Each structure stands twice: as C-alpha cells, then as structure tokens.
Amino acid sequence: MGQNIDLIFKIAGIGILVAVASMGLKNSGKEDYGLAVTITGIAVVLIMVIQMLGALFNEVKSVFKLF
C-alpha cells in the first residue's frame, strides 16, 4: 500500500515540475522546448505506470499459478 502512495506522489511531483518548466519556457518565448518538456514528462510517467502494470501481471500470474 505504501508503494502505491509513493507512486502517486512521484507522478504528482513530476506533473508539477513539468507544468512549471513548461509554463516558464512558454512565457519566455520557447514554446518548442516547453512542448518537448511536456512530452518527456508524459513519457516518464507512462514508463513508470507500465512498470507497475508489469509487476501487477506478474503478481496475478503467481497467484493463479498460470506459469
């Protein structure tokens, strides 16, 4: 349970950092870099979620002894 809350805080922290960096870059006239920061943040969060889903599927396989 504690790991899930840590994951939520990590995702929220990444979201806040990406939002601040993106807005700062857009306000300084560098919209392209702001978009790149946003896409990179989304990719990092998706990788974290995919890893957690992989762990979930492995747990389900071990519980039901599928392999």
PDB file of N, CA and C in Angstrom:
ATOM      1  N   MET A   1       0.822  -1.199   0.000  1.00  0.00           N
ATOM      2  CA  MET A   1       0.000   0.000   0.000  1.00  0.00           C
ATOM      3  C   MET A   1       0.861   1.257   0.000  1.00  0.00           C
ATOM      4  N   GLY A   2       1.959   1.234   0.754  1.00  0.00           N
ATOM      5  CA  GLY A   2       2.830   2.395   0.831  1.00  0.00           C
ATOM      6  C   GLY A   2       3.493   2.720  -0.496  1.00  0.00           C
ATOM      7  N   GLN A   3       3.790   1.676  -1.266  1.00  0.00           N
ATOM      8  CA  GLN A   3       4.428   1.892  -2.559  1.00  0.00           C
ATOM      9  C   GLN A   3       3.476   2.596  -3.518  1.00  0.00           C
ATOM     10  N   ASN A   4       2.189   2.293  -3.444  1.00  0.00           N
ATOM     11  CA  ASN A   4       1.218   2.934  -4.325  1.00  0.00           C
ATOM     12  C   ASN A   4       1.097   4.423  -4.020  1.00  0.00           C
ATOM     13  N   ILE A   5       1.138   4.779  -2.758  1.00  0.00           N
ATOM     14  CA  ILE A   5       1.064   6.190  -2.383  1.00  0.00           C
ATOM     15  C   ILE A   5       2.330   6.908  -2.828  1.00  0.00           C
ATOM     16  N   ASP A   6       3.481   6.238  -2.710  1.00  0.00           N
ATOM     17  CA  ASP A   6       4.731   6.829  -3.199  1.00  0.00           C
ATOM     18  C   ASP A   6       4.668   7.076  -4.696  1.00  0.00           C
ATOM     19  N   LEU A   7       4.082   6.142  -5.430  1.00  0.00           N
ATOM     20  CA  LEU A   7       3.956   6.298  -6.876  1.00  0.00           C
ATOM     21  C   LEU A   7       3.063   7.491  -7.218  1.00  0.00           C
ATOM     22  N   ILE A   8       1.989   7.666  -6.481  1.00  0.00           N
ATOM     23  CA  ILE A   8       1.096   8.801  -6.716  1.00  0.00           C
ATOM     24  C   ILE A   8       1.826  10.115  -6.448  1.00  0.00           C
ATOM     25  N   PHE A   9       2.608  10.166  -5.364  1.00  0.00           N
ATOM     26  CA  PHE A   9       3.363  11.382  -5.066  1.00  0.00           C
ATOM     27  C   PHE A   9       4.441  11.648  -6.112  1.00  0.00           C
ATOM     28  N   LYS A  10       5.083  10.598  -6.611  1.00  0.00           N
ATOM     29  CA  LYS A  10       6.086  10.769  -7.655  1.00  0.00           C
ATOM     30  C   LYS A  10       5.456  11.330  -8.932  1.00  0.00           C
ATOM     31  N   ILE A  11       4.314  10.775  -9.315  1.00  0.00           N
ATOM     32  CA  ILE A  11       3.631  11.245 -10.519  1.00  0.00           C
ATOM     33  C   ILE A  11       3.175  12.686 -10.335  1.00  0.00           C
ATOM     34  N   ALA A  12       2.658  13.012  -9.164  1.00  0.00           N
ATOM     35  CA  ALA A  12       2.231  14.391  -8.904  1.00  0.00           C
ATOM     36  C   ALA A  12       3.424  15.343  -8.929  1.00  0.00           C
ATOM     37  N   GLY A  13       4.535  14.925  -8.355  1.00  0.00           N
ATOM     38  CA  GLY A  13       5.738  15.757  -8.356  1.00  0.00           C
ATOM     39  C   GLY A  13       6.251  15.998  -9.764  1.00  0.00           C
ATOM     40  N   ILE A  14       6.266  14.947 -10.572  1.00  0.00           N
ATOM     41  CA  ILE A  14       6.693  15.106 -11.959  1.00  0.00           C
ATOM     42  C   ILE A  14       5.739  16.037 -12.701  1.00  0.00           C
ATOM     43  N   GLY A  15       4.452  15.899 -12.448  1.00  0.00           N
ATOM     44  CA  GLY A  15       3.468  16.770 -13.093  1.00  0.00           C
ATOM     45  C   GLY A  15       3.663  18.228 -12.729  1.00  0.00           C
ATOM     46  N   ILE A  16       3.923  18.489 -11.466  1.00  0.00           N
ATOM     47  CA  ILE A  16       4.132  19.878 -11.031  1.00  0.00           C
ATOM     48  C   ILE A  16       5.402  20.450 -11.652  1.00  0.00           C
ATOM     49  N   LEU A  17       6.490  19.670 -11.631  1.00  0.00           N
ATOM     50  CA  LEU A  17       7.742  20.145 -12.221  1.00  0.00           C
ATOM     51  C   LEU A  17       7.601  20.403 -13.717  1.00  0.00           C
ATOM     52  N   VAL A  18       6.938  19.496 -14.401  1.00  0.00           N
ATOM     53  CA  VAL A  18       6.748  19.664 -15.846  1.00  0.00           C
ATOM     54  C   VAL A  18       5.876  20.877 -16.133  1.00  0.00           C
ATOM     55  N   ALA A  19       4.835  21.078 -15.354  1.00  0.00           N
ATOM     56  CA  ALA A  19       3.949  22.225 -15.582  1.00  0.00           C
ATOM     57  C   ALA A  19       4.689  23.540 -15.369  1.00  0.00           C
ATOM     58  N   VAL A  20       5.471  23.632 -14.303  1.00  0.00           N
ATOM     59  CA  VAL A  20       6.215  24.861 -14.026  1.00  0.00           C
ATOM     60  C   VAL A  20       7.256  25.112 -15.113  1.00  0.00           C
ATOM     61  N   ALA A  21       7.997  24.058 -15.492  1.00  0.00           N
ATOM     62  CA  ALA A  21       9.027  24.226 -16.519  1.00  0.00           C
ATOM     63  C   ALA A  21       8.400  24.588 -17.860  1.00  0.00           C
ATOM     64  N   SER A  22       7.315  23.954 -18.192  1.00  0.00           N
ATOM     65  CA  SER A  22       6.654  24.225 -19.472  1.00  0.00           C
ATOM     66  C   SER A  22       6.107  25.648 -19.521  1.00  0.00           C
ATOM     67  N   MET A  23       5.470  26.086 -18.450  1.00  0.00           N
ATOM     68  CA  MET A  23       4.939  27.453 -18.431  1.00  0.00           C
ATOM     69  C   MET A  23       6.053  28.478 -18.471  1.00  0.00           C
ATOM     70  N   GLY A  24       7.146  28.209 -17.772  1.00  0.00           N
ATOM     71  CA  GLY A  24       8.283  29.122 -17.803  1.00  0.00           C
ATOM     72  C   GLY A  24       8.881  29.236 -19.193  1.00  0.00           C
ATOM     73  N   LEU A  25       8.996  28.120 -19.868  1.00  0.00           N
ATOM     74  CA  LEU A  25       9.545  28.148 -21.221  1.00  0.00           C
ATOM     75  C   LEU A  25       8.595  28.824 -22.209  1.00  0.00           C
ATOM     76  N   LYS A  26       7.305  28.566 -22.039  1.00  0.00           N
ATOM     77  CA  LYS A  26       6.340  29.197 -22.947  1.00  0.00           C
ATOM     78  C   LYS A  26       6.284  30.701 -22.732  1.00  0.00           C
ATOM     79  N   ASN A  27       6.413  31.148 -21.500  1.00  0.00           N
ATOM     80  CA  ASN A  27       6.388  32.587 -21.226  1.00  0.00           C
ATOM     81  C   ASN A  27       7.639  33.295 -21.731  1.00  0.00           C
ATOM     82  N   SER A  28       8.735  32.553 -21.843  1.00  0.00           N
ATOM     83  CA  SER A  28       9.960  33.164 -22.347  1.00  0.00           C
ATOM     84  C   SER A  28      10.074  33.058 -23.863  1.00  0.00           C
ATOM     85  N   GLY A  29       9.037  32.551 -24.507  1.00  0.00           N
ATOM     86  CA  GLY A  29       9.012  32.502 -25.966  1.00  0.00           C
ATOM     87  C   GLY A  29       9.597  31.244 -26.567  1.00  0.00           C
ATOM     88  N   LYS A  30       9.807  30.230 -25.758  1.00  0.00           N
ATOM     89  CA  LYS A  30      10.381  28.981 -26.265  1.00  0.00           C
ATOM     90  C   LYS A  30       9.331  27.864 -26.183  1.00  0.00           C
ATOM     91  N   GLU A  31       8.293  28.016 -26.996  1.00  0.00           N
ATOM     92  CA  GLU A  31       7.175  27.072 -26.963  1.00  0.00           C
ATOM     93  C   GLU A  31       7.601  25.667 -27.359  1.00  0.00           C
ATOM     94  N   ASP A  32       8.565  25.563 -28.281  1.00  0.00           N
ATOM     95  CA  ASP A  32       9.009  24.248 -28.730  1.00  0.00           C
ATOM     96  C   ASP A  32       9.656  23.466 -27.594  1.00  0.00           C
ATOM     97  N   TYR A  33      10.473  24.146 -26.801  1.00  0.00           N
ATOM     98  CA  TYR A  33      11.099  23.475 -25.661  1.00  0.00           C
ATOM     99  C   TYR A  33      10.056  23.126 -24.591  1.00  0.00           C
ATOM    100  N   GLY A  34       9.074  23.975 -24.435  1.00  0.00           N
ATOM    101  CA  GLY A  34       8.001  23.686 -23.487  1.00  0.00           C
ATOM    102  C   GLY A  34       7.231  22.440 -23.874  1.00  0.00           C
ATOM    103  N   LEU A  35       6.974  22.293 -25.167  1.00  0.00           N
ATOM    104  CA  LEU A  35       6.288  21.092 -25.649  1.00  0.00           C
ATOM    105  C   LEU A  35       7.159  19.859 -25.455  1.00  0.00           C
ATOM    106  N   ALA A  36       8.462  19.993 -25.699  1.00  0.00           N
ATOM    107  CA  ALA A  36       9.377  18.863 -25.514  1.00  0.00           C
ATOM    108  C   ALA A  36       9.426  18.436 -24.047  1.00  0.00           C
ATOM    109  N   VAL A  37       9.421  19.400 -23.134  1.00  0.00           N
ATOM    110  CA  VAL A  37       9.418  19.076 -21.708  1.00  0.00           C
ATOM    111  C   VAL A  37       8.128  18.354 -21.330  1.00  0.00           C
ATOM    112  N   THR A  38       7.012  18.806 -21.858  1.00  0.00           N
ATOM    113  CA  THR A  38       5.725  18.176 -21.573  1.00  0.00           C
ATOM    114  C   THR A  38       5.690  16.743 -22.081  1.00  0.00           C
ATOM    115  N   ILE A  39       6.134  16.531 -23.300  1.00  0.00           N
ATOM    116  CA  ILE A  39       6.133  15.180 -23.870  1.00  0.00           C
ATOM    117  C   ILE A  39       7.077  14.266 -23.097  1.00  0.00           C
ATOM    118  N   THR A  40       8.228  14.778 -22.695  1.00  0.00           N
ATOM    119  CA  THR A  40       9.168  13.979 -21.909  1.00  0.00           C
ATOM    120  C   THR A  40       8.568  13.597 -20.559  1.00  0.00           C
ATOM    121  N   GLY A  41       7.880  14.529 -19.917  1.00  0.00           N
ATOM    122  CA  GLY A  41       7.232  14.224 -18.642  1.00  0.00           C
ATOM    123  C   GLY A  41       6.169  13.155 -18.780  1.00  0.00           C
ATOM    124  N   ILE A  42       5.387  13.238 -19.842  1.00  0.00           N
ATOM    125  CA  ILE A  42       4.358  12.222 -20.085  1.00  0.00           C
ATOM    126  C   ILE A  42       5.000  10.865 -20.326  1.00  0.00           C
ATOM    127  N   ALA A  43       6.095  10.839 -21.083  1.00  0.00           N
ATOM    128  CA  ALA A  43       6.775   9.574 -21.358  1.00  0.00           C
ATOM    129  C   ALA A  43       7.327   8.951 -20.079  1.00  0.00           C
ATOM    130  N   VAL A  44       7.901   9.767 -19.201  1.00  0.00           N
ATOM    131  CA  VAL A  44       8.451   9.250 -17.946  1.00  0.00           C
ATOM    132  C   VAL A  44       7.344   8.644 -17.083  1.00  0.00           C
ATOM    133  N   VAL A  45       6.221   9.335 -17.000  1.00  0.00           N
ATOM    134  CA  VAL A  45       5.102   8.822 -16.195  1.00  0.00           C
ATOM    135  C   VAL A  45       4.543   7.541 -16.811  1.00  0.00           C
ATOM    136  N   LEU A  46       4.432   7.489 -18.130  1.00  0.00           N
ATOM    137  CA  LEU A  46       3.937   6.266 -18.775  1.00  0.00           C
ATOM    138  C   LEU A  46       4.869   5.089 -18.521  1.00  0.00           C
ATOM    139  N   ILE A  47       6.176   5.325 -18.545  1.00  0.00           N
ATOM    140  CA  ILE A  47       7.120   4.241 -18.256  1.00  0.00           C
ATOM    141  C   ILE A  47       6.937   3.744 -16.829  1.00  0.00           C
ATOM    142  N   MET A  48       6.733   4.656 -15.894  1.00  0.00           N
ATOM    143  CA  MET A  48       6.510   4.250 -14.501  1.00  0.00           C
ATOM    144  C   MET A  48       5.241   3.416 -14.373  1.00  0.00           C
ATOM    145  N   VAL A  49       4.180   3.834 -15.042  1.00  0.00           N
ATOM    146  CA  VAL A  49       2.903   3.112 -14.963  1.00  0.00           C
ATOM    147  C   VAL A  49       3.022   1.742 -15.632  1.00  0.00           C
ATOM    148  N   ILE A  50       3.716   1.668 -16.760  1.00  0.00           N
ATOM    149  CA  ILE A  50       3.882   0.386 -17.450  1.00  0.00           C
ATOM    150  C   ILE A  50       4.668  -0.593 -16.589  1.00  0.00           C
ATOM    151  N   GLN A  51       5.680  -0.110 -15.887  1.00  0.00           N
ATOM    152  CA  GLN A  51       6.428  -0.986 -14.982  1.00  0.00           C
ATOM    153  C   GLN A  51       5.537  -1.511 -13.858  1.00  0.00           C
ATOM    154  N   MET A  52       4.686  -0.657 -13.330  1.00  0.00           N
ATOM    155  CA  MET A  52       3.773  -1.107 -12.278  1.00  0.00           C
ATOM    156  C   MET A  52       2.761  -2.119 -12.816  1.00  0.00           C
ATOM    157  N   LEU A  53       2.290  -1.922 -14.046  1.00  0.00           N
ATOM    158  CA  LEU A  53       1.369  -2.887 -14.642  1.00  0.00           C
ATOM    159  C   LEU A  53       2.056  -4.227 -14.868  1.00  0.00           C
ATOM    160  N   GLY A  54       3.314  -4.197 -15.264  1.00  0.00           N
ATOM    161  CA  GLY A  54       4.067  -5.441 -15.422  1.00  0.00           C
ATOM    162  C   GLY A  54       4.183  -6.191 -14.111  1.00  0.00           C
ATOM    163  N   ALA A  55       4.449  -5.468 -13.047  1.00  0.00           N
ATOM    164  CA  ALA A  55       4.528  -6.097 -11.724  1.00  0.00           C
ATOM    165  C   ALA A  55       3.172  -6.665 -11.314  1.00  0.00           C
ATOM    166  N   LEU A  56       2.104  -5.947 -11.635  1.00  0.00           N
ATOM    167  CA  LEU A  56       0.758  -6.446 -11.325  1.00  0.00           C
ATOM    168  C   LEU A  56       0.467  -7.740 -12.069  1.00  0.00           C
ATOM    169  N   PHE A  57       0.785  -7.791 -13.376  1.00  0.00           N
ATOM    170  CA  PHE A  57       0.536  -9.005 -14.145  1.00  0.00           C
ATOM    171  C   PHE A  57       1.369 -10.178 -13.636  1.00  0.00           C
ATOM    172  N   ASN A  58       2.608  -9.920 -13.233  1.00  0.00           N
ATOM    173  CA  ASN A  58       3.424 -10.990 -12.655  1.00  0.00           C
ATOM    174  C   ASN A  58       2.823 -11.495 -11.351  1.00  0.00           C
ATOM    175  N   GLU A  59       2.286 -10.609 -10.557  1.00  0.00           N
ATOM    176  CA  GLU A  59       1.640 -11.000  -9.297  1.00  0.00           C
ATOM    177  C   GLU A  59       0.399 -11.830  -9.558  1.00  0.00           C
ATOM    178  N   VAL A  60      -0.401 -11.428 -10.539  1.00  0.00           N
ATOM    179  CA  VAL A  60      -1.597 -12.197 -10.892  1.00  0.00           C
ATOM    180  C   VAL A  60      -1.222 -13.587 -11.395  1.00  0.00           C
ATOM    181  N   LYS A  61      -0.169 -13.662 -12.214  1.00  0.00           N
ATOM    182  CA  LYS A  61       0.283 -14.971 -12.709  1.00  0.00           C
ATOM    183  C   LYS A  61       0.732 -15.855 -11.565  1.00  0.00           C
ATOM    184  N   SER A  62       1.435 -15.283 -10.589  1.00  0.00           N
ATOM    185  CA  SER A  62       1.909 -16.109  -9.479  1.00  0.00           C
ATOM    186  C   SER A  62       0.766 -16.531  -8.560  1.00  0.00           C
ATOM    187  N   VAL A  63      -0.244 -15.684  -8.404  1.00  0.00           N
ATOM    188  CA  VAL A  63      -1.365 -16.041  -7.536  1.00  0.00           C
ATOM    189  C   VAL A  63      -2.180 -17.168  -8.137  1.00  0.00           C
ATOM    190  N   PHE A  64      -2.430 -17.086  -9.441  1.00  0.00           N
ATOM    191  CA  PHE A  64      -3.247 -18.104 -10.091  1.00  0.00           C
ATOM    192  C   PHE A  64      -2.411 -19.228 -10.703  1.00  0.00           C
ATOM    193  N   LYS A  65      -1.084 -19.177 -10.506  1.00  0.00           N
ATOM    194  CA  LYS A  65      -0.166 -20.196 -10.993  1.00  0.00           C
ATOM    195  C   LYS A  65      -0.380 -20.471 -12.483  1.00  0.00           C
ATOM    196  N   LEU A  66      -0.395 -19.388 -13.259  1.00  0.00           N
ATOM    197  CA  LEU A  66      -0.606 -19.540 -14.699  1.00  0.00           C
ATOM    198  C   LEU A  66       0.642 -20.044 -15.404  1.00  0.00           C
ATOM    199  N   PHE A  67       1.835 -19.748 -14.850  1.00  0.00           N
ATOM    200  CA  PHE A  67       3.072 -20.227 -15.454  1.00  0.00           C
ATOM    201  C   PHE A  67       3.891 -20.955 -14.453  1.00  0.00           C
TER     202      PHE A  67
END
